[in-house]
PDB file of N, CA and C in Angstrom:
ATOM      1  N   MET A   1     -93.290 123.708 -23.846  1.00  0.00           N
ATOM      2  CA  MET A   1     -92.462 122.934 -23.067  1.00  0.00           C
ATOM      3  C   MET A   1     -91.773 123.750 -22.090  1.00  0.00           C
ATOM      4  N   GLY A   2     -91.192 124.989 -22.558  1.00  0.00           N
ATOM      5  CA  GLY A   2     -90.595 125.820 -21.608  1.00  0.00           C
ATOM      6  C   GLY A   2     -91.412 126.455 -20.550  1.00  0.00           C
ATOM      7  N   LYS A   3     -92.708 126.781 -20.765  1.00  0.00           N
ATOM      8  CA  LYS A   3     -93.645 127.214 -19.817  1.00  0.00           C
ATOM      9  C   LYS A   3     -93.944 126.114 -18.721  1.00  0.00           C
ATOM     10  N   LEU A   4     -94.052 124.839 -19.375  1.00  0.00           N
ATOM     11  CA  LEU A   4     -94.426 123.816 -18.340  1.00  0.00           C
ATOM     12  C   LEU A   4     -93.175 123.641 -17.424  1.00  0.00           C
ATOM     13  N   SER A   5     -91.928 123.739 -17.868  1.00  0.00           N
ATOM     14  CA  SER A   5     -90.859 123.491 -17.011  1.00  0.00           C
ATOM     15  C   SER A   5     -90.735 124.571 -15.996  1.00  0.00           C
ATOM     16  N   PHE A   6     -91.107 125.881 -16.418  1.00  0.00           N
ATOM     17  CA  PHE A   6     -90.946 126.910 -15.618  1.00  0.00           C
ATOM     18  C   PHE A   6     -92.023 126.803 -14.385  1.00  0.00           C
ATOM     19  N   PHE A   7     -93.241 126.488 -14.705  1.00  0.00           N
ATOM     20  CA  PHE A   7     -94.283 126.342 -13.589  1.00  0.00           C
ATOM     21  C   PHE A   7     -93.965 125.049 -12.731  1.00  0.00           C
ATOM     22  N   ALA A   8     -93.381 124.004 -13.363  1.00  0.00           N
ATOM     23  CA  ALA A   8     -93.028 123.004 -12.498  1.00  0.00           C
ATOM     24  C   ALA A   8     -92.017 123.322 -11.570  1.00  0.00           C
ATOM     25  N   GLY A   9     -90.921 124.132 -11.923  1.00  0.00           N
ATOM     26  CA  GLY A   9     -89.949 124.625 -11.069  1.00  0.00           C
ATOM     27  C   GLY A   9     -90.422 125.487 -10.008  1.00  0.00           C
ATOM     28  N   VAL A  10     -91.258 126.414 -10.426  1.00  0.00           N
ATOM     29  CA  VAL A  10     -91.873 127.393  -9.486  1.00  0.00           C
ATOM     30  C   VAL A  10     -92.736 126.548  -8.340  1.00  0.00           C
ATOM     31  N   GLY A  11     -93.465 125.450  -8.804  1.00  0.00           N
ATOM     32  CA  GLY A  11     -94.144 124.597  -7.864  1.00  0.00           C
ATOM     33  C   GLY A  11     -93.327 123.913  -6.926  1.00  0.00           C
ATOM     34  N   VAL A  12     -92.204 123.278  -7.409  1.00  0.00           N
ATOM     35  CA  VAL A  12     -91.335 122.593  -6.608  1.00  0.00           C
ATOM     36  C   VAL A  12     -90.646 123.447  -5.598  1.00  0.00           C
ATOM     37  N   GLY A  13     -90.193 124.543  -6.128  1.00  0.00           N
ATOM     38  CA  GLY A  13     -89.489 125.620  -5.258  1.00  0.00           C
ATOM     39  C   GLY A  13     -90.503 125.984  -4.117  1.00  0.00           C
ATOM     40  N   TYR A  14     -91.734 126.367  -4.477  1.00  0.00           N
ATOM     41  CA  TYR A  14     -92.734 126.649  -3.359  1.00  0.00           C
ATOM     42  C   TYR A  14     -92.904 125.573  -2.306  1.00  0.00           C
ATOM     43  N   LEU A  15     -93.045 124.312  -2.798  1.00  0.00           N
ATOM     44  CA  LEU A  15     -93.142 123.251  -1.831  1.00  0.00           C
ATOM     45  C   LEU A  15     -91.952 123.158  -1.043  1.00  0.00           C
ATOM     46  N   LEU A  16     -90.855 123.094  -1.616  1.00  0.00           N
ATOM     47  CA  LEU A  16     -89.564 122.834  -0.753  1.00  0.00           C
ATOM     48  C   LEU A  16     -89.526 124.100   0.182  1.00  0.00           C
ATOM     49  N   GLY A  17     -89.589 125.237  -0.303  1.00  0.00           N
ATOM     50  CA  GLY A  17     -89.557 126.495   0.595  1.00  0.00           C
ATOM     51  C   GLY A  17     -90.628 126.402   1.828  1.00  0.00           C
ATOM     52  N   ALA A  18     -91.879 125.994   1.390  1.00  0.00           N
ATOM     53  CA  ALA A  18     -92.830 125.910   2.516  1.00  0.00           C
ATOM     54  C   ALA A  18     -92.559 124.841   3.477  1.00  0.00           C
ATOM     55  N   ARG A  19     -91.943 123.738   3.118  1.00  0.00           N
ATOM     56  CA  ARG A  19     -91.569 122.682   3.974  1.00  0.00           C
ATOM     57  C   ARG A  19     -90.335 123.028   4.910  1.00  0.00           C
ATOM     58  N   ALA A  20     -89.398 123.758   4.294  1.00  0.00           N
ATOM     59  CA  ALA A  20     -88.112 123.984   4.915  1.00  0.00           C
ATOM     60  C   ALA A  20     -88.445 124.943   6.059  1.00  0.00           C
ATOM     61  N   GLY A  21     -89.308 126.007   5.748  1.00  0.00           N
ATOM     62  CA  GLY A  21     -89.655 126.926   6.767  1.00  0.00           C
ATOM     63  C   GLY A  21     -88.627 128.167   6.814  1.00  0.00           C
ATOM     64  N   ARG A  22     -88.837 129.023   7.744  1.00  0.00           N
ATOM     65  CA  ARG A  22     -88.053 130.178   7.885  1.00  0.00           C
ATOM     66  C   ARG A  22     -86.552 129.927   8.365  1.00  0.00           C
ATOM     67  N   GLN A  23     -86.373 128.854   9.144  1.00  0.00           N
ATOM     68  CA  GLN A  23     -85.041 128.617   9.629  1.00  0.00           C
ATOM     69  C   GLN A  23     -84.134 128.239   8.498  1.00  0.00           C
ATOM     70  N   GLN A  24     -84.637 127.442   7.765  1.00  0.00           N
ATOM     71  CA  GLN A  24     -83.788 126.973   6.521  1.00  0.00           C
ATOM     72  C   GLN A  24     -83.509 128.143   5.592  1.00  0.00           C
ATOM     73  N   PHE A  25     -84.488 129.063   5.389  1.00  0.00           N
ATOM     74  CA  PHE A  25     -84.216 130.194   4.627  1.00  0.00           C
ATOM     75  C   PHE A  25     -83.191 131.107   5.208  1.00  0.00           C
ATOM     76  N   GLU A  26     -83.130 131.244   6.457  1.00  0.00           N
ATOM     77  CA  GLU A  26     -82.162 132.043   7.169  1.00  0.00           C
ATOM     78  C   GLU A  26     -80.720 131.345   7.104  1.00  0.00           C
ATOM     79  N   LYS A  27     -80.634 130.064   7.147  1.00  0.00           N
ATOM     80  CA  LYS A  27     -79.414 129.385   6.912  1.00  0.00           C
ATOM     81  C   LYS A  27     -78.868 129.614   5.555  1.00  0.00           C
ATOM     82  N   ILE A  28     -79.728 129.498   4.517  1.00  0.00           N
ATOM     83  CA  ILE A  28     -79.289 129.737   3.190  1.00  0.00           C
ATOM     84  C   ILE A  28     -78.790 131.115   2.882  1.00  0.00           C
ATOM     85  N   LYS A  29     -79.544 132.086   3.493  1.00  0.00           N
ATOM     86  CA  LYS A  29     -79.261 133.442   3.329  1.00  0.00           C
ATOM     87  C   LYS A  29     -77.919 133.791   3.997  1.00  0.00           C
ATOM     88  N   SER A  30     -77.720 133.297   5.206  1.00  0.00           N
ATOM     89  CA  SER A  30     -76.337 133.673   5.861  1.00  0.00           C
ATOM     90  C   SER A  30     -75.195 132.962   5.169  1.00  0.00           C
ATOM     91  N   ALA A  31     -75.391 131.725   4.673  1.00  0.00           N
ATOM     92  CA  ALA A  31     -74.257 131.010   3.976  1.00  0.00           C
ATOM     93  C   ALA A  31     -73.964 131.759   2.652  1.00  0.00           C
ATOM     94  N   SER A  32     -75.069 132.191   1.923  1.00  0.00           N
ATOM     95  CA  SER A  32     -74.766 133.011   0.676  1.00  0.00           C
ATOM     96  C   SER A  32     -74.267 134.394   1.042  1.00  0.00           C
ATOM     97  N   GLN A  33     -74.539 134.960   2.121  1.00  0.00           N
ATOM     98  CA  GLN A  33     -73.868 136.260   2.475  1.00  0.00           C
ATOM     99  C   GLN A  33     -72.438 136.023   2.756  1.00  0.00           C
ATOM    100  N   GLN A  34     -71.996 134.959   3.525  1.00  0.00           N
ATOM    101  CA  GLN A  34     -70.680 134.691   3.858  1.00  0.00           C
ATOM    102  C   GLN A  34     -69.887 134.444   2.565  1.00  0.00           C
ATOM    103  N   VAL A  35     -70.444 133.788   1.552  1.00  0.00           N
ATOM    104  CA  VAL A  35     -69.730 133.586   0.370  1.00  0.00           C
ATOM    105  C   VAL A  35     -69.545 134.772  -0.441  1.00  0.00           C
ATOM    106  N   TRP A  36     -70.589 135.786  -0.438  1.00  0.00           N
ATOM    107  CA  TRP A  36     -70.456 137.015  -1.117  1.00  0.00           C
ATOM    108  C   TRP A  36     -69.421 137.867  -0.486  1.00  0.00           C
ATOM    109  N   GLU A  37     -69.206 137.910   0.882  1.00  0.00           N
ATOM    110  CA  GLU A  37     -68.369 138.721   1.438  1.00  0.00           C
ATOM    111  C   GLU A  37     -66.876 138.186   1.578  1.00  0.00           C
ATOM    112  N   ASN A  38     -66.743 136.951   1.029  1.00  0.00           N
ATOM    113  CA  ASN A  38     -65.401 136.364   0.954  1.00  0.00           C
ATOM    114  C   ASN A  38     -64.467 137.312   0.046  1.00  0.00           C
ATOM    115  N   PRO A  39     -63.194 137.595   0.501  1.00  0.00           N
ATOM    116  CA  PRO A  39     -62.279 138.454  -0.242  1.00  0.00           C
ATOM    117  C   PRO A  39     -62.089 137.959  -1.583  1.00  0.00           C
ATOM    118  N   ARG A  40     -61.876 136.647  -1.747  1.00  0.00           N
ATOM    119  CA  ARG A  40     -61.517 136.058  -3.153  1.00  0.00           C
ATOM    120  C   ARG A  40     -62.753 136.209  -3.994  1.00  0.00           C
ATOM    121  N   VAL A  41     -64.013 136.101  -3.499  1.00  0.00           N
ATOM    122  CA  VAL A  41     -65.197 136.390  -4.332  1.00  0.00           C
ATOM    123  C   VAL A  41     -65.198 137.838  -4.713  1.00  0.00           C
ATOM    124  N   GLN A  42     -65.049 138.804  -3.783  1.00  0.00           N
ATOM    125  CA  GLN A  42     -65.011 140.136  -4.019  1.00  0.00           C
ATOM    126  C   GLN A  42     -63.961 140.600  -5.046  1.00  0.00           C
ATOM    127  N   SER A  43     -62.762 139.889  -4.954  1.00  0.00           N
ATOM    128  CA  SER A  43     -61.785 140.203  -5.888  1.00  0.00           C
ATOM    129  C   SER A  43     -62.237 139.966  -7.367  1.00  0.00           C
ATOM    130  N   SER A  44     -62.829 138.741  -7.450  1.00  0.00           N
ATOM    131  CA  SER A  44     -63.318 138.237  -8.817  1.00  0.00           C
ATOM    132  C   SER A  44     -64.374 139.171  -9.258  1.00  0.00           C
ATOM    133  N   VAL A  45     -65.222 139.624  -8.467  1.00  0.00           N
ATOM    134  CA  VAL A  45     -66.347 140.570  -8.730  1.00  0.00           C
ATOM    135  C   VAL A  45     -65.738 141.824  -9.339  1.00  0.00           C
ATOM    136  N   HIS A  46     -64.764 142.439  -8.638  1.00  0.00           N
ATOM    137  CA  HIS A  46     -64.188 143.604  -9.080  1.00  0.00           C
ATOM    138  C   HIS A  46     -63.510 143.527 -10.431  1.00  0.00           C
ATOM    139  N   LYS A  47     -62.910 142.289 -10.655  1.00  0.00           N
ATOM    140  CA  LYS A  47     -62.228 142.004 -12.008  1.00  0.00           C
ATOM    141  C   LYS A  47     -63.235 141.980 -13.112  1.00  0.00           C
ATOM    142  N   VAL A  48     -64.394 141.382 -12.871  1.00  0.00           N
ATOM    143  CA  VAL A  48     -65.421 141.166 -13.764  1.00  0.00           C
ATOM    144  C   VAL A  48     -66.034 142.539 -14.119  1.00  0.00           C
ATOM    145  N   GLU A  49     -66.286 143.376 -12.995  1.00  0.00           N
ATOM    146  CA  GLU A  49     -66.876 144.712 -13.135  1.00  0.00           C
ATOM    147  C   GLU A  49     -65.811 145.583 -14.079  1.00  0.00           C
ATOM    148  N   GLU A  50     -64.548 145.534 -13.802  1.00  0.00           N
ATOM    149  CA  GLU A  50     -63.627 146.272 -14.675  1.00  0.00           C
ATOM    150  C   GLU A  50     -63.601 145.878 -16.132  1.00  0.00           C
ATOM    151  N   LYS A  51     -63.615 144.501 -16.394  1.00  0.00           N
ATOM    152  CA  LYS A  51     -63.700 144.026 -17.750  1.00  0.00           C
ATOM    153  C   LYS A  51     -64.923 144.380 -18.464  1.00  0.00           C
ATOM    154  N   VAL A  52     -66.128 144.410 -17.767  1.00  0.00           N
ATOM    155  CA  VAL A  52     -67.381 144.756 -18.441  1.00  0.00           C
ATOM    156  C   VAL A  52     -67.373 146.181 -18.675  1.00  0.00           C
ATOM    157  N   GLY A  53     -66.659 146.961 -17.794  1.00  0.00           N
ATOM    158  CA  GLY A  53     -66.557 148.436 -18.028  1.00  0.00           C
ATOM    159  C   GLY A  53     -65.716 148.769 -19.206  1.00  0.00           C
ATOM    160  N   GLN A  54     -64.558 147.978 -19.405  1.00  0.00           N
ATOM    161  CA  GLN A  54     -63.766 148.154 -20.619  1.00  0.00           C
ATOM    162  C   GLN A  54     -64.595 147.792 -21.879  1.00  0.00           C
ATOM    163  N   VAL A  55     -65.135 146.608 -21.820  1.00  0.00           N
ATOM    164  CA  VAL A  55     -65.790 146.192 -22.963  1.00  0.00           C
ATOM    165  C   VAL A  55     -67.012 147.120 -23.371  1.00  0.00           C
ATOM    166  N   ALA A  56     -67.700 147.666 -22.442  1.00  0.00           N
ATOM    167  CA  ALA A  56     -68.763 148.661 -22.704  1.00  0.00           C
ATOM    168  C   ALA A  56     -68.211 149.934 -23.274  1.00  0.00           C
ATOM    169  N   LYS A  57     -67.025 150.426 -22.775  1.00  0.00           N
ATOM    170  CA  LYS A  57     -66.457 151.548 -23.339  1.00  0.00           C
ATOM    171  C   LYS A  57     -66.160 151.309 -24.856  1.00  0.00           C
ATOM    172  N   GLU A  58     -65.425 150.169 -25.082  1.00  0.00           N
ATOM    173  CA  GLU A  58     -65.005 149.840 -26.382  1.00  0.00           C
ATOM    174  C   GLU A  58     -66.229 149.714 -27.366  1.00  0.00           C
ATOM    175  N   GLN A  59     -67.324 149.062 -26.921  1.00  0.00           N
ATOM    176  CA  GLN A  59     -68.504 148.832 -27.782  1.00  0.00           C
ATOM    177  C   GLN A  59     -69.294 150.141 -27.925  1.00  0.00           C
ATOM    178  N   ALA A  60     -69.146 150.899 -26.905  1.00  0.00           N
ATOM    179  CA  ALA A  60     -69.841 152.312 -27.135  1.00  0.00           C
ATOM    180  C   ALA A  60     -69.187 153.092 -28.169  1.00  0.00           C
ATOM    181  N   SER A  61     -67.887 153.055 -28.242  1.00  0.00           N
ATOM    182  CA  SER A  61     -67.062 153.796 -29.045  1.00  0.00           C
ATOM    183  C   SER A  61     -67.377 153.295 -30.460  1.00  0.00           C
ATOM    184  N   ALA A  62     -67.361 152.003 -30.657  1.00  0.00           N
ATOM    185  CA  ALA A  62     -67.676 151.432 -32.010  1.00  0.00           C
ATOM    186  C   ALA A  62     -69.171 151.808 -32.509  1.00  0.00           C
ATOM    187  N   VAL A  63     -70.108 151.724 -31.619  1.00  0.00           N
ATOM    188  CA  VAL A  63     -71.459 152.024 -32.005  1.00  0.00           C
ATOM    189  C   VAL A  63     -71.536 153.431 -32.220  1.00  0.00           C
ATOM    190  N   THR A  64     -70.827 154.371 -31.530  1.00  0.00           N
ATOM    191  CA  THR A  64     -70.851 155.793 -31.877  1.00  0.00           C
ATOM    192  C   THR A  64     -70.333 155.983 -33.167  1.00  0.00           C
ATOM    193  N   ASP A  65     -69.242 155.539 -33.500  1.00  0.00           N
ATOM    194  CA  ASP A  65     -68.545 155.562 -34.829  1.00  0.00           C
ATOM    195  C   ASP A  65     -69.549 155.143 -35.983  1.00  0.00           C
ATOM    196  N   LYS A  66     -70.078 153.939 -35.795  1.00  0.00           N
ATOM    197  CA  LYS A  66     -71.175 153.607 -36.774  1.00  0.00           C
ATOM    198  C   LYS A  66     -72.234 154.438 -36.944  1.00  0.00           C
ATOM    199  N   VAL A  67     -72.832 154.918 -35.730  1.00  0.00           N
ATOM    200  CA  VAL A  67     -73.978 155.879 -35.975  1.00  0.00           C
ATOM    201  C   VAL A  67     -73.575 157.142 -36.716  1.00  0.00           C
ATOM    202  N   ALA A  68     -72.414 157.642 -36.255  1.00  0.00           N
ATOM    203  CA  ALA A  68     -71.779 158.899 -37.001  1.00  0.00           C
ATOM    204  C   ALA A  68     -71.657 158.675 -38.472  1.00  0.00           C
ATOM    205  N   GLU A  69     -71.158 157.539 -38.883  1.00  0.00           N
ATOM    206  CA  GLU A  69     -70.899 157.191 -40.342  1.00  0.00           C
ATOM    207  C   GLU A  69     -72.389 157.171 -41.036  1.00  0.00           C
ATOM    208  N   THR A  70     -73.331 156.537 -40.399  1.00  0.00           N
ATOM    209  CA  THR A  70     -74.602 156.413 -40.928  1.00  0.00           C
ATOM    210  C   THR A  70     -75.268 157.829 -41.048  1.00  0.00           C
ATOM    211  N   VAL A  71     -75.170 158.631 -40.050  1.00  0.00           N
ATOM    212  CA  VAL A  71     -75.715 159.986 -40.112  1.00  0.00           C
ATOM    213  C   VAL A  71     -75.083 160.828 -41.216  1.00  0.00           C
ATOM    214  N   LYS A  72     -73.820 160.732 -41.252  1.00  0.00           N
ATOM    215  CA  LYS A  72     -73.047 161.394 -42.276  1.00  0.00           C
ATOM    216  C   LYS A  72     -73.395 161.106 -43.699  1.00  0.00           C
ATOM    217  N   SER A  73     -73.647 159.719 -43.891  1.00  0.00           N
ATOM    218  CA  SER A  73     -73.917 159.279 -45.313  1.00  0.00           C
ATOM    219  C   SER A  73     -75.423 159.591 -45.597  1.00  0.00           C
ATOM    220  N   ARG A  74     -76.345 159.713 -44.763  1.00  0.00           N
ATOM    221  CA  ARG A  74     -77.692 160.101 -44.886  1.00  0.00           C
ATOM    222  C   ARG A  74     -77.757 161.657 -45.106  1.00  0.00           C
ATOM    223  N   ILE A  75     -77.047 162.457 -44.286  1.00  0.00           N
ATOM    224  CA  ILE A  75     -77.030 163.868 -44.372  1.00  0.00           C
ATOM    225  C   ILE A  75     -76.201 164.224 -45.706  1.00  0.00           C
ATOM    226  N   GLY A  76     -75.175 163.537 -45.890  1.00  0.00           N
ATOM    227  CA  GLY A  76     -74.475 163.872 -47.184  1.00  0.00           C
ATOM    228  C   GLY A  76     -75.225 163.619 -48.437  1.00  0.00           C
ATOM    229  N   GLY A  77     -76.073 162.528 -48.504  1.00  0.00           N
ATOM    230  CA  GLY A  77     -76.969 162.280 -49.601  1.00  0.00           C
ATOM    231  C   GLY A  77     -78.009 163.400 -49.733  1.00  0.00           C
ATOM    232  N   SER A  78     -78.650 163.762 -48.638  1.00  0.00           N
ATOM    233  CA  SER A  78     -79.788 164.714 -48.766  1.00  0.00           C
ATOM    234  C   SER A  78     -79.213 166.049 -48.878  1.00  0.00           C
ATOM    235  N   SER A  79     -78.193 166.466 -48.283  1.00  0.00           N
ATOM    236  CA  SER A  79     -77.538 167.872 -48.478  1.00  0.00           C
ATOM    237  C   SER A  79     -77.045 167.955 -49.861  1.00  0.00           C
ATOM    238  N   GLY A  80     -76.578 166.872 -50.515  1.00  0.00           N
ATOM    239  CA  GLY A  80     -76.017 167.101 -51.801  1.00  0.00           C
ATOM    240  C   GLY A  80     -77.167 167.464 -52.772  1.00  0.00           C
ATOM    241  N   SER A  81     -78.275 166.860 -52.613  1.00  0.00           N
ATOM    242  CA  SER A  81     -79.503 167.162 -53.454  1.00  0.00           C
ATOM    243  C   SER A  81     -80.020 168.510 -53.055  1.00  0.00           C
ATOM    244  N   ALA A  82     -79.901 168.788 -51.789  1.00  0.00           N
ATOM    245  CA  ALA A  82     -80.491 170.211 -51.331  1.00  0.00           C
ATOM    246  C   ALA A  82     -79.576 171.297 -51.765  1.00  0.00           C
ATOM    247  N   SER A  83     -78.140 170.963 -51.814  1.00  0.00           N
ATOM    248  CA  SER A  83     -77.273 172.083 -52.280  1.00  0.00           C
ATOM    249  C   SER A  83     -77.347 172.354 -53.766  1.00  0.00           C
ATOM    250  N   SER A  84     -77.754 171.261 -54.552  1.00  0.00           N
ATOM    251  CA  SER A  84     -77.861 171.403 -56.028  1.00  0.00           C
ATOM    252  C   SER A  84     -79.044 172.288 -56.334  1.00  0.00           C
ATOM    253  N   GLY A  85     -80.099 172.295 -55.530  1.00  0.00           N
ATOM    254  CA  GLY A  85     -81.300 173.044 -55.766  1.00  0.00           C
ATOM    255  C   GLY A  85     -81.469 174.076 -54.790  1.00  0.00           C
ATOM    256  N   SER A  86     -80.443 174.786 -54.267  1.00  0.00           N
ATOM    257  CA  SER A  86     -80.665 175.781 -53.188  1.00  0.00           C
ATOM    258  C   SER A  86     -80.886 177.045 -53.780  1.00  0.00           C
ATOM    259  N   GLY A  87     -81.981 177.248 -54.280  1.00  0.00           N
ATOM    260  CA  GLY A  87     -82.392 178.611 -54.919  1.00  0.00           C
ATOM    261  C   GLY A  87     -82.799 179.531 -53.790  1.00  0.00           C
ATOM    262  N   SER A  88     -83.559 179.090 -52.738  1.00  0.00           N
ATOM    263  CA  SER A  88     -83.942 179.922 -51.589  1.00  0.00           C
ATOM    264  C   SER A  88     -83.833 179.049 -50.394  1.00  0.00           C
ATOM    265  N   GLY A  89     -83.726 179.624 -49.264  1.00  0.00           N
ATOM    266  CA  GLY A  89     -83.591 178.956 -47.997  1.00  0.00           C
ATOM    267  C   GLY A  89     -84.720 178.224 -47.663  1.00  0.00           C
ATOM    268  N   SER A  90     -86.005 178.573 -47.861  1.00  0.00           N
ATOM    269  CA  SER A  90     -87.160 177.818 -47.404  1.00  0.00           C
ATOM    270  C   SER A  90     -87.337 176.613 -48.325  1.00  0.00           C
ATOM    271  N   SER A  91     -86.929 176.683 -49.551  1.00  0.00           N
ATOM    272  CA  SER A  91     -87.138 175.478 -50.386  1.00  0.00           C
ATOM    273  C   SER A  91     -86.236 174.382 -50.013  1.00  0.00           C
ATOM    274  N   SER A  92     -84.974 174.725 -49.617  1.00  0.00           N
ATOM    275  CA  SER A  92     -84.075 173.681 -49.257  1.00  0.00           C
ATOM    276  C   SER A  92     -84.430 172.960 -47.925  1.00  0.00           C
ATOM    277  N   SER A  93     -85.032 173.661 -47.064  1.00  0.00           N
ATOM    278  CA  SER A  93     -85.546 172.987 -45.738  1.00  0.00           C
ATOM    279  C   SER A  93     -86.696 172.115 -46.115  1.00  0.00           C
ATOM    280  N   SER A  94     -87.549 172.509 -47.029  1.00  0.00           N
ATOM    281  CA  SER A  94     -88.637 171.562 -47.360  1.00  0.00           C
ATOM    282  C   SER A  94     -88.167 170.393 -48.146  1.00  0.00           C
ATOM    283  N   THR A  95     -87.045 170.611 -48.864  1.00  0.00           N
ATOM    284  CA  THR A  95     -86.475 169.480 -49.783  1.00  0.00           C
ATOM    285  C   THR A  95     -85.937 168.492 -48.730  1.00  0.00           C
ATOM    286  N   ASP A  96     -85.243 168.966 -47.693  1.00  0.00           N
ATOM    287  CA  ASP A  96     -84.589 168.101 -46.674  1.00  0.00           C
ATOM    288  C   ASP A  96     -85.660 167.266 -46.030  1.00  0.00           C
ATOM    289  N   ARG A  97     -86.696 167.915 -45.553  1.00  0.00           N
ATOM    290  CA  ARG A  97     -87.878 167.224 -44.927  1.00  0.00           C
ATOM    291  C   ARG A  97     -88.385 166.090 -45.819  1.00  0.00           C
ATOM    292  N   SER A  98     -88.675 166.486 -46.965  1.00  0.00           N
ATOM    293  CA  SER A  98     -89.317 165.545 -47.945  1.00  0.00           C
ATOM    294  C   SER A  98     -88.344 164.368 -48.227  1.00  0.00           C
ATOM    295  N   GLY A  99     -87.013 164.688 -48.298  1.00  0.00           N
ATOM    296  CA  GLY A  99     -86.012 163.705 -48.548  1.00  0.00           C
ATOM    297  C   GLY A  99     -85.928 162.723 -47.453  1.00  0.00           C
ATOM    298  N   VAL A 100     -85.967 163.209 -46.160  1.00  0.00           N
ATOM    299  CA  VAL A 100     -85.737 162.282 -45.061  1.00  0.00           C
ATOM    300  C   VAL A 100     -87.045 161.548 -44.920  1.00  0.00           C
ATOM    301  N   GLY A 101     -88.253 162.172 -44.855  1.00  0.00           N
ATOM    302  CA  GLY A 101     -89.476 161.584 -44.620  1.00  0.00           C
ATOM    303  C   GLY A 101     -90.034 160.810 -45.769  1.00  0.00           C
ATOM    304  N   GLY A 102     -89.497 160.834 -47.000  1.00  0.00           N
ATOM    305  CA  GLY A 102     -90.111 160.301 -48.273  1.00  0.00           C
ATOM    306  C   GLY A 102     -89.805 158.762 -48.245  1.00  0.00           C
ATOM    307  N   SER A 103     -88.996 158.363 -48.919  1.00  0.00           N
ATOM    308  CA  SER A 103     -88.783 156.922 -49.171  1.00  0.00           C
ATOM    309  C   SER A 103     -88.051 156.247 -48.078  1.00  0.00           C
ATOM    310  N   SER A 104     -87.051 156.934 -47.412  1.00  0.00           N
ATOM    311  CA  SER A 104     -86.235 156.198 -46.457  1.00  0.00           C
ATOM    312  C   SER A 104     -86.953 156.003 -45.144  1.00  0.00           C
ATOM    313  N   MET A 105     -87.806 157.047 -44.791  1.00  0.00           N
ATOM    314  CA  MET A 105     -88.417 156.835 -43.278  1.00  0.00           C
ATOM    315  C   MET A 105     -89.911 157.052 -43.450  1.00  0.00           C
ATOM    316  N   PRO A 106     -90.864 156.268 -43.250  1.00  0.00           N
ATOM    317  CA  PRO A 106     -92.257 156.545 -43.273  1.00  0.00           C
ATOM    318  C   PRO A 106     -92.677 157.366 -42.133  1.00  0.00           C
ATOM    319  N   PRO A 107     -93.715 158.124 -42.241  1.00  0.00           N
ATOM    320  CA  PRO A 107     -94.110 158.936 -40.965  1.00  0.00           C
ATOM    321  C   PRO A 107     -94.597 158.069 -39.891  1.00  0.00           C
ATOM    322  N   THR A 108     -94.425 158.472 -38.661  1.00  0.00           N
ATOM    323  CA  THR A 108     -94.874 157.760 -37.543  1.00  0.00           C
ATOM    324  C   THR A 108     -96.371 157.831 -37.355  1.00  0.00           C
ATOM    325  N   PRO A 109     -97.108 156.757 -37.228  1.00  0.00           N
ATOM    326  CA  PRO A 109     -98.463 156.773 -36.978  1.00  0.00           C
ATOM    327  C   PRO A 109     -98.775 157.406 -35.781  1.00  0.00           C
ATOM    328  N   PRO A 110     -99.983 158.047 -35.524  1.00  0.00           N
ATOM    329  CA  PRO A 110    -100.330 158.554 -34.273  1.00  0.00           C
ATOM    330  C   PRO A 110    -100.569 157.519 -33.185  1.00  0.00           C
ATOM    331  N   GLN A 111    -100.143 157.853 -32.040  1.00  0.00           N
ATOM    332  CA  GLN A 111    -100.219 156.852 -30.888  1.00  0.00           C
ATOM    333  C   GLN A 111    -101.436 157.118 -30.170  1.00  0.00           C
ATOM    334  N   PRO A 112    -102.119 155.986 -29.719  1.00  0.00           N
ATOM    335  CA  PRO A 112    -103.350 156.116 -28.919  1.00  0.00           C
ATOM    336  C   PRO A 112    -103.228 156.774 -27.602  1.00  0.00           C
ATOM    337  N   GLU A 113    -104.140 157.657 -27.235  1.00  0.00           N
ATOM    338  CA  GLU A 113    -104.106 158.290 -25.942  1.00  0.00           C
ATOM    339  C   GLU A 113    -104.446 157.213 -24.831  1.00  0.00           C
ATOM    340  N   ILE A 114    -103.746 157.477 -23.703  1.00  0.00           N
ATOM    341  CA  ILE A 114    -104.067 156.551 -22.513  1.00  0.00           C
ATOM    342  C   ILE A 114    -104.773 157.228 -21.597  1.00  0.00           C
TER     343      ILE A 114
END
């Protein structure tokens, strides 16, 4: 149903645009440009841009904190097992690799060449 509506809208838009011609397109374009350049519209645009920037900063901070917590919990779990069996430097690095790639993250399959 969604695809049918989309194609019907495209068809109607094409027919109306073809009938209206270039002059109507230029009228619509100039009217929309006048609205966009209106100081009240620009004031609203700047307010929205500032609000979006604030929300993005807040959300970025929250996401960063969540990622940091997740990384610390994962590293804390694997480093705890690596520190308990740290007889030599090379064995602890292999333990870390097998701990991370073992049950929690399967290996990435090879990608096809393009």
